[in-house]
C-alpha cells in the first residue's frame, strides 16, 4: 500500500472474536497493523509474545496490561508502548467494556 488510506468510523477490514474480545482490523500494511480491541468485562488474554513492537491507546474504560513482570493499570487516554518479544496480556477487571486501539509493527496478529 502506498500513499494514504482513510478508514471511516465503524468500518473495518475484518473482525475476529476471541473469548470476550472483539478485534476489528482497521488497516494492515506490510509494516504495521491498526486494530481496535473491544474487551468485555472480565475478559482477558493469555500471555503471548511475537516479534516487533506495539503501542496501545485506551479509548474507553480501563484495562490491566501485563508486560513481562510489570502490570500497568491503564485508563482512558493512557498510552503504553512495549516490545512484543516480552510476554504480554490484557485483562478487563471492570464491569464496563473497554476499547483499546493498538498499532503493531510488523503486523503479526491476524
Protein backbone atom coordinates (compact mmCIF):
# COMPACT_ATOMS: atom_id res chain seq x y z
CA UNK A 1 0.00 0.00 0.00
CA UNK A 2 1.31 3.44 -0.89
CA UNK A 3 0.08 6.94 -0.24
CA UNK A 4 -2.72 7.18 2.28
CA UNK A 5 -5.95 5.50 3.24
CA UNK A 6 -8.94 6.73 5.24
CA UNK A 7 -10.92 4.30 7.39
CA UNK A 8 -14.30 5.73 8.37
CA UNK A 9 -15.74 5.18 11.86
CA UNK A 10 -17.45 1.80 12.08
CA UNK A 11 -15.57 0.32 9.13
CA UNK A 12 -13.08 -2.49 9.44
CA UNK A 13 -11.17 -4.76 7.12
CA UNK A 14 -12.33 -7.80 9.08
CA UNK A 15 -13.15 -8.89 12.63
CA UNK A 16 -12.16 -11.71 14.90
CA UNK A 17 -13.83 -12.67 18.21
CA UNK A 18 -11.82 -14.50 20.87
CA UNK A 19 -13.24 -15.19 24.36
CA UNK A 20 -14.82 -11.82 25.17
CA UNK A 21 -12.52 -9.79 22.96
CA UNK A 22 -13.54 -8.40 19.58
CA UNK A 23 -10.64 -7.45 17.29
CA UNK A 24 -11.54 -5.05 14.49
CA UNK A 25 -8.69 -4.93 12.00
CA UNK A 26 -8.87 -1.39 10.64
CA UNK A 27 -5.77 -1.30 8.49
CA UNK A 28 -2.88 -3.57 7.63
CA UNK A 29 0.20 -2.80 5.56
CA UNK A 30 3.48 -4.63 5.12
CA UNK A 31 4.88 -2.63 8.05
CA UNK A 32 2.05 -2.31 10.59
CA UNK A 33 -1.47 -3.19 11.67
CA UNK A 34 -4.03 -0.92 13.34
CA UNK A 35 -6.50 -2.89 15.45
CA UNK A 36 -9.43 -1.73 17.61
CA UNK A 37 -9.97 -4.15 20.50
CA UNK A 38 -13.23 -4.28 22.46
CA UNK A 39 -12.65 -6.08 25.76
CA UNK A 40 -15.77 -7.26 27.61
CA UNK A 41 -15.94 -7.03 31.41
CA UNK A 42 -13.91 -9.88 32.91
CA UNK A 43 -12.31 -10.84 29.58
CA UNK A 44 -8.57 -11.46 29.33
CA UNK A 45 -5.95 -12.95 27.07
CA UNK A 46 -3.24 -15.45 27.80
CA UNK A 47 0.41 -14.39 27.79
CA UNK A 48 1.87 -14.32 24.30
CA UNK A 49 4.92 -12.95 22.56
CA UNK A 50 5.99 -12.32 18.99
CA UNK A 51 8.42 -10.18 17.02
CA UNK A 52 8.04 -6.41 16.85
CA UNK A 53 6.64 -3.55 18.90
CA UNK A 54 3.19 -2.35 19.98
CA UNK A 55 1.56 0.90 21.02
CA UNK A 56 -1.72 0.72 22.95
CA UNK A 57 -4.08 3.68 23.44
CA UNK A 58 -7.04 3.23 25.79
CA UNK A 59 -10.01 4.87 24.08
CA UNK A 60 -12.67 3.89 26.62
CA UNK A 61 -12.76 2.23 30.02
CA UNK A 62 -9.89 0.67 31.93
CA UNK A 63 -7.66 -2.35 31.38
CA UNK A 64 -4.85 -4.11 33.15
CA UNK A 65 -1.93 -4.77 30.82
CA UNK A 66 0.90 -7.08 31.80
CA UNK A 67 4.28 -6.84 30.06
CA UNK A 68 6.82 -9.28 31.47
CA UNK A 69 6.70 -8.85 35.25
CA UNK A 70 5.22 -5.33 35.10
CA UNK A 71 1.48 -4.76 35.49
CA UNK A 72 0.06 -1.48 34.20
CA UNK A 73 -3.35 -0.08 35.14
CA UNK A 74 -4.43 1.85 32.06
CA UNK A 75 -7.31 4.32 31.89
CA UNK A 76 -8.89 6.27 29.07
CA UNK A 77 -6.26 8.33 27.27
CA UNK A 78 -3.28 6.33 28.57
CA UNK A 79 -0.68 5.13 26.06
CA UNK A 80 1.59 2.10 26.51
CA UNK A 81 4.49 1.06 24.26
CA UNK A 82 6.30 -2.26 24.59
CA UNK A 83 8.46 -4.69 22.71
CA UNK A 84 6.30 -7.59 21.56
CA UNK A 85 9.06 -10.10 22.31
CA UNK A 86 8.24 -9.65 26.02
CA UNK A 87 5.30 -11.88 27.08
CA UNK A 88 2.18 -9.68 27.39
CA UNK A 89 -1.55 -9.90 28.04
CA UNK A 90 -4.63 -7.73 28.55
CA UNK A 91 -7.39 -8.00 31.15
CA UNK A 92 -10.57 -6.03 31.83
CA UNK A 93 -11.29 -6.28 35.56
CA UNK A 94 -14.03 -3.65 35.46
CA UNK A 95 -17.76 -4.06 34.94
CA UNK A 96 -17.72 -1.96 31.75
CA UNK A 97 -16.49 -2.64 28.22
CA UNK A 98 -13.04 -1.27 27.39
CA UNK A 99 -11.84 -0.18 23.95
CA UNK A 100 -8.14 -0.15 23.11
CA UNK A 101 -6.53 0.89 19.84
CA UNK A 102 -3.27 -0.90 19.10
CA UNK A 103 -0.65 -0.44 16.42
CA UNK A 104 1.56 -3.48 15.89
CA UNK A 105 4.71 -3.49 13.81
CA UNK A 106 5.25 -5.72 11.96
CA UNK A 107 1.65 -6.94 11.55
CA UNK A 108 1.98 -10.41 13.06
CA UNK A 109 -1.53 -10.80 14.55
CA UNK A 110 -4.21 -11.76 12.02
